[in-house]
Protein backbone atom coordinates (compact mmCIF):
# COMPACT_ATOMS: atom_id res chain seq x y z
CA MET A 1 42.68 69.33 102.76
CA LYS A 2 42.89 72.83 101.26
CA LEU A 3 40.33 74.05 103.78
CA GLY A 4 42.44 72.69 106.64
CA LEU A 5 45.53 74.54 105.37
CA LYS A 6 43.57 77.77 105.09
CA CYS A 7 42.27 77.42 108.64
CA SER A 8 45.76 76.75 109.91
CA SER A 9 47.00 79.85 108.12
CA CYS A 10 44.17 81.90 109.61
CA LEU A 11 45.07 80.65 113.08
CA LEU A 12 48.72 81.62 112.63
CA ILE A 13 47.79 85.06 111.37
CA THR A 14 45.38 85.55 114.28
CA LEU A 15 48.05 84.54 116.82
CA PHE A 16 50.57 86.89 115.18
CA LEU A 17 48.14 89.79 115.38
CA LEU A 18 47.27 89.07 118.99
CA LEU A 19 50.84 88.53 120.19
CA GLY A 20 52.80 90.78 117.86
CA LEU A 21 50.63 93.85 117.46
CA PRO A 22 51.06 95.23 121.01
CA LYS A 23 54.84 95.29 120.49
CA LEU A 24 54.42 97.41 117.37
CA LEU A 25 52.03 99.99 118.81
CA PRO A 26 54.42 102.33 120.70
CA ALA A 27 56.09 103.43 117.46
CA ASP A 28 56.93 106.88 118.85
CA GLU A 29 59.61 105.30 121.04
CA MET A 30 61.59 104.65 117.85
CA THR A 31 60.89 107.99 116.17
CA LEU A 32 63.97 110.16 115.62
CA ASN A 33 64.55 113.75 114.61
CA LEU A 34 68.30 113.83 114.06
CA VAL A 35 69.76 117.33 113.76
CA SER A 36 73.34 118.59 113.61
CA ARG A 37 73.94 121.48 116.02
CA VAL A 38 77.13 123.54 116.41
CA LEU A 39 78.07 123.93 120.07
CA GLU A 40 81.07 126.20 119.45
CA SER A 41 82.41 127.74 116.24
CA PHE A 42 85.03 130.05 117.88
CA ASP A 43 84.01 132.74 115.36
CA ASP A 44 83.01 135.09 118.19
CA PRO A 45 85.52 135.00 121.09
CA ASN A 46 83.03 136.92 123.24
CA VAL A 47 80.54 134.04 123.38
CA ARG A 48 82.58 132.19 126.02
CA THR A 49 86.09 131.88 127.41
CA TRP A 50 88.31 128.85 126.88
CA ALA A 51 90.88 128.35 129.63
CA PHE A 52 94.05 126.25 129.29
CA ILE A 53 94.92 124.37 132.50
CA PRO A 54 98.08 122.25 132.17
CA SER A 55 99.39 119.52 134.46
CA LYS A 56 102.41 120.00 136.74
CA PHE A 57 105.13 120.36 134.09
CA GLY A 58 103.11 122.85 132.06
CA TYR A 59 104.36 125.68 134.30
CA ASP A 60 107.78 127.32 134.46
CA LEU A 61 109.90 127.55 137.62
CA GLU A 62 108.06 130.72 138.64
CA GLY A 63 104.66 129.06 138.35
CA LYS A 64 103.66 130.75 135.08
CA SER A 65 101.76 128.70 132.51
CA LEU A 66 103.73 127.71 129.41
CA PHE A 67 100.60 127.87 127.24
CA GLU A 68 99.09 130.71 125.26
CA LYS A 69 95.82 131.13 123.39
CA ARG A 70 94.99 132.80 120.07
CA TYR A 71 91.89 133.16 117.92
CA VAL A 72 93.17 132.76 114.37
CA ASP A 73 91.51 133.92 111.13
CA THR A 74 91.47 130.62 109.25
CA TRP A 75 89.29 127.53 108.73
CA PRO A 76 89.38 123.88 107.56
CA GLU A 77 89.06 123.88 103.77
CA ALA A 78 87.31 120.50 103.92
CA LEU A 79 84.56 122.19 105.91
CA PHE A 80 84.14 125.60 104.29
CA GLY A 81 86.00 125.34 100.98
CA LYS A 82 89.22 126.97 99.81
CA ASN A 83 87.89 130.29 98.55
CA ARG A 84 85.38 131.04 101.33
CA ASN A 85 85.22 134.65 102.47
CA LYS A 86 87.15 134.41 105.72
CA GLU A 87 85.32 137.29 107.39
CA ASN A 88 84.33 136.30 110.94
CA LEU A 89 85.68 132.74 110.58
CA LYS A 90 88.10 131.88 113.37
CA VAL A 91 89.61 128.85 115.10
CA LEU A 92 91.01 128.37 118.59
CA GLY A 93 94.82 128.15 118.62
CA VAL A 94 97.00 126.51 121.28
CA HIS A 95 100.77 126.97 121.59
CA GLY A 96 102.75 125.58 124.48
CA SER A 97 105.32 123.29 126.05
CA PHE A 98 105.90 120.95 128.95
CA LEU A 99 109.16 120.94 130.90
CA ARG A 100 109.69 117.20 130.53
CA LYS A 101 108.35 114.16 128.71
CA GLY A 102 105.75 111.89 130.25
CA TYR A 103 101.97 111.60 130.51
CA ASN A 104 101.42 115.35 130.61
CA TYR A 105 97.99 116.80 129.93
CA LEU A 106 96.33 120.07 129.02
CA GLU A 107 92.71 120.75 129.98
CA ILE A 108 90.78 122.98 127.55
CA VAL A 109 87.83 124.21 129.60
CA PRO A 110 84.80 126.33 128.54
CA GLY A 111 83.61 129.03 130.91
CA LYS A 112 83.47 132.76 131.49
CA GLY A 113 85.91 135.37 132.78
CA GLU A 114 89.68 135.51 132.42
CA GLY A 115 92.62 134.69 134.64
CA ALA A 116 91.78 134.51 138.34
CA ASP A 117 88.15 135.41 137.51
CA PHE A 118 87.64 132.39 135.25
CA THR A 119 84.68 130.18 136.13
CA PRO A 120 84.06 126.85 134.34
CA GLU A 121 80.70 126.77 132.57
CA PRO A 122 79.82 123.46 130.84
CA ILE A 123 78.11 123.56 127.45
CA LEU A 124 74.68 121.87 127.49
CA PHE A 125 73.84 119.41 124.71
CA PRO A 126 70.46 119.97 123.02
CA GLY A 127 68.17 116.92 122.91
CA ARG A 128 69.62 113.43 123.26
CA ALA A 129 73.13 113.56 121.83
CA GLY A 130 74.32 110.71 119.60
CA ILE A 131 77.67 111.78 118.13
CA LEU A 132 80.12 114.55 119.06
CA ASP A 133 82.70 115.75 116.56
CA LEU A 134 85.15 118.59 115.98
CA TRP A 135 87.92 119.62 113.62
CA VAL A 136 91.50 119.42 114.90
CA TRP A 137 94.68 120.71 113.24
CA GLY A 138 97.60 118.51 114.26
CA SER A 139 101.34 118.96 113.82
CA ASN A 140 102.09 115.21 113.77
CA HIS A 141 102.86 114.95 117.48
CA ASN A 142 102.01 111.62 119.09
CA TYR A 143 99.32 112.99 121.41
CA TYR A 144 95.67 112.04 121.92
CA LEU A 145 92.48 113.86 122.78
CA GLU A 146 89.57 113.14 125.14
CA VAL A 147 86.26 114.86 125.77
CA HIS A 148 84.72 114.88 129.26
CA VAL A 149 80.94 115.07 129.69
CA ARG A 150 78.63 115.23 132.72
CA ASP A 151 75.23 113.55 132.79
CA TYR A 152 72.15 114.95 134.56
CA GLN A 153 72.96 112.92 137.70
CA GLY A 154 76.31 114.69 138.03
CA VAL A 155 78.35 111.68 136.92
CA PHE A 156 81.36 112.43 134.70
CA HIS A 157 82.26 110.33 131.66
CA VAL A 158 85.49 110.30 129.62
CA LEU A 159 85.10 109.68 125.86
CA PRO A 160 88.13 109.07 123.60
CA LEU A 161 88.35 111.21 120.46
CA GLY A 162 91.59 109.55 119.38
CA SER A 163 95.09 110.36 118.23
CA ILE A 164 96.04 113.75 116.79
CA GLN A 165 99.21 112.40 115.15
CA HIS A 166 98.34 113.82 111.75
CA GLN A 167 99.26 116.79 109.58
CA GLY A 168 96.75 119.58 109.12
CA TRP A 169 92.98 119.44 109.65
CA LYS A 170 91.13 116.24 110.51
CA ASN A 171 87.63 115.57 111.79
CA LEU A 172 87.54 113.60 115.06
CA SER A 173 84.34 112.11 116.41
CA VAL A 174 83.01 109.87 119.16
CA LYS A 175 79.68 108.10 119.60
CA ILE A 176 77.87 108.90 122.84
CA PRO A 177 77.32 105.55 124.64
CA GLY A 178 73.74 104.55 125.34
CA SER A 179 74.80 103.83 128.92
CA ILE A 180 74.93 107.59 129.61
CA PRO A 181 71.38 108.55 130.71
CA GLN A 182 69.82 111.44 128.79
CA SER A 183 66.16 111.01 129.74
CA TRP A 184 63.87 109.62 132.43
CA GLN A 185 60.22 108.62 132.84
CA TYR A 186 59.08 111.91 134.38
CA LEU A 187 58.29 115.23 132.72
CA PRO A 188 60.22 116.98 131.32
CA GLU A 189 61.64 113.70 129.96
CA SER A 190 64.82 115.12 128.44
CA ARG A 191 67.74 115.24 130.87
CA GLN A 192 70.57 117.17 129.28
CA MET A 193 74.20 116.24 129.59
CA ALA A 194 77.00 118.79 129.22
CA LEU A 195 80.49 119.12 127.77
CA THR A 196 82.85 120.03 130.64
CA LYS A 197 86.27 120.00 128.94
CA PHE A 198 88.68 118.54 126.42
CA VAL A 199 91.91 116.95 127.65
CA LEU A 200 95.01 116.68 125.47
CA TRP A 201 97.49 113.99 126.57
CA THR A 202 101.13 113.55 125.57
CA ARG A 203 102.82 110.17 125.31
CA PRO A 204 106.09 109.52 127.22
CA GLN A 205 108.22 108.98 124.10
CA GLU A 206 107.07 112.14 122.26
CA LYS A 207 108.73 115.57 122.31
CA VAL A 208 106.85 118.17 124.35
CA ASP A 209 109.05 121.28 124.28
CA ASP A 210 107.12 123.18 121.58
CA PHE A 211 103.89 122.35 119.77
CA TYR A 212 100.80 123.90 118.14
CA LEU A 213 97.17 122.80 118.02
CA TYR A 214 94.05 124.35 116.47
CA ILE A 215 90.39 123.45 117.08
CA ASP A 216 87.23 124.38 115.17
CA GLN A 217 83.51 123.56 114.82
CA ILE A 218 82.54 121.53 117.87
CA LYS A 219 79.15 120.06 117.00
CA VAL A 220 76.78 117.31 117.97
CA LEU A 221 74.36 115.06 116.07
CA THR A 222 71.36 114.90 118.35
CA ASP A 223 67.77 113.64 118.50
CA LEU A 224 65.35 116.51 119.08
CA PHE A 225 62.15 114.47 118.77
CA GLU A 226 59.61 115.00 121.55
CA LYS A 227 56.26 113.23 121.93
CA ARG A 228 53.21 115.49 121.62
CA PHE A 229 50.35 115.28 124.10
CA ASP A 230 47.70 117.53 125.64
CA GLY A 231 49.58 119.97 127.87
CA ASP A 232 53.04 119.16 126.46
CA ASP A 233 53.98 122.85 126.58
CA LEU A 234 54.07 122.63 130.39
CA ALA A 235 56.85 120.03 130.10
CA GLU A 236 59.13 122.23 127.99
CA VAL A 237 62.23 123.44 129.83
CA ASP A 238 61.78 127.06 128.71
CA LYS A 239 58.17 127.05 129.92
CA VAL A 240 59.16 125.60 133.29
CA LYS A 241 61.80 128.32 133.68
CA GLU A 242 59.27 130.98 132.69
CA VAL A 243 56.73 129.81 135.27
CA TRP A 244 58.95 128.65 138.11
CA GLY A 245 62.18 130.58 137.50
CA SER A 246 64.49 127.56 137.32
CA VAL A 247 64.61 123.89 136.42
CA LYS A 248 67.02 121.12 137.30
CA GLU A 249 68.87 120.19 134.10
């Protein structure tokens, strides 16, 4: 009887090894190298331009924008501490109004150039992005914030960061949905997506005649793991650009 039990156990173990082992072999598919990368700190205003593009009622009767931009020498204490040397630490400041209440919006767009020479220039995400977050100083207005991203196929996605009805600095974050493609089966496998803009929305019942907003430390938690194989250097984006001059992101 004991021998029969042992044989049965051996059979079960053999079946498990035969059927289960192949599923466990491609372990590299589950390997992660999660790294936090800052996309924009605002400490150097010369790195890129941020343009403010309001909706219809964000302009006066002469067509001039009611919004202004400042780079302010301050920082979130929760991020850098209270007594940090403030040299070179800045945040992006927004001050503006809308002419009337409603679902008004303000687009905060990265790019280059100023005024009529401004050209939008999306910020590429390194690796396969998992979480995007930033610090937002709110003045308790009942507004909410979105981030817009573009995947490698040119499809745009809107991700909600949430309400900014709070006082002072608060960290807002959003998980990047797995439905947004960031890789494919061909080499190079990584297909980068990009941050195209933030959009601040007002709610119809909230005052809009005068408000302030500050933004700092836009960063992403991303997976930088890449499989190694013979000739993998030829699949690296920088190498492709070096050899061929360009690569489709």
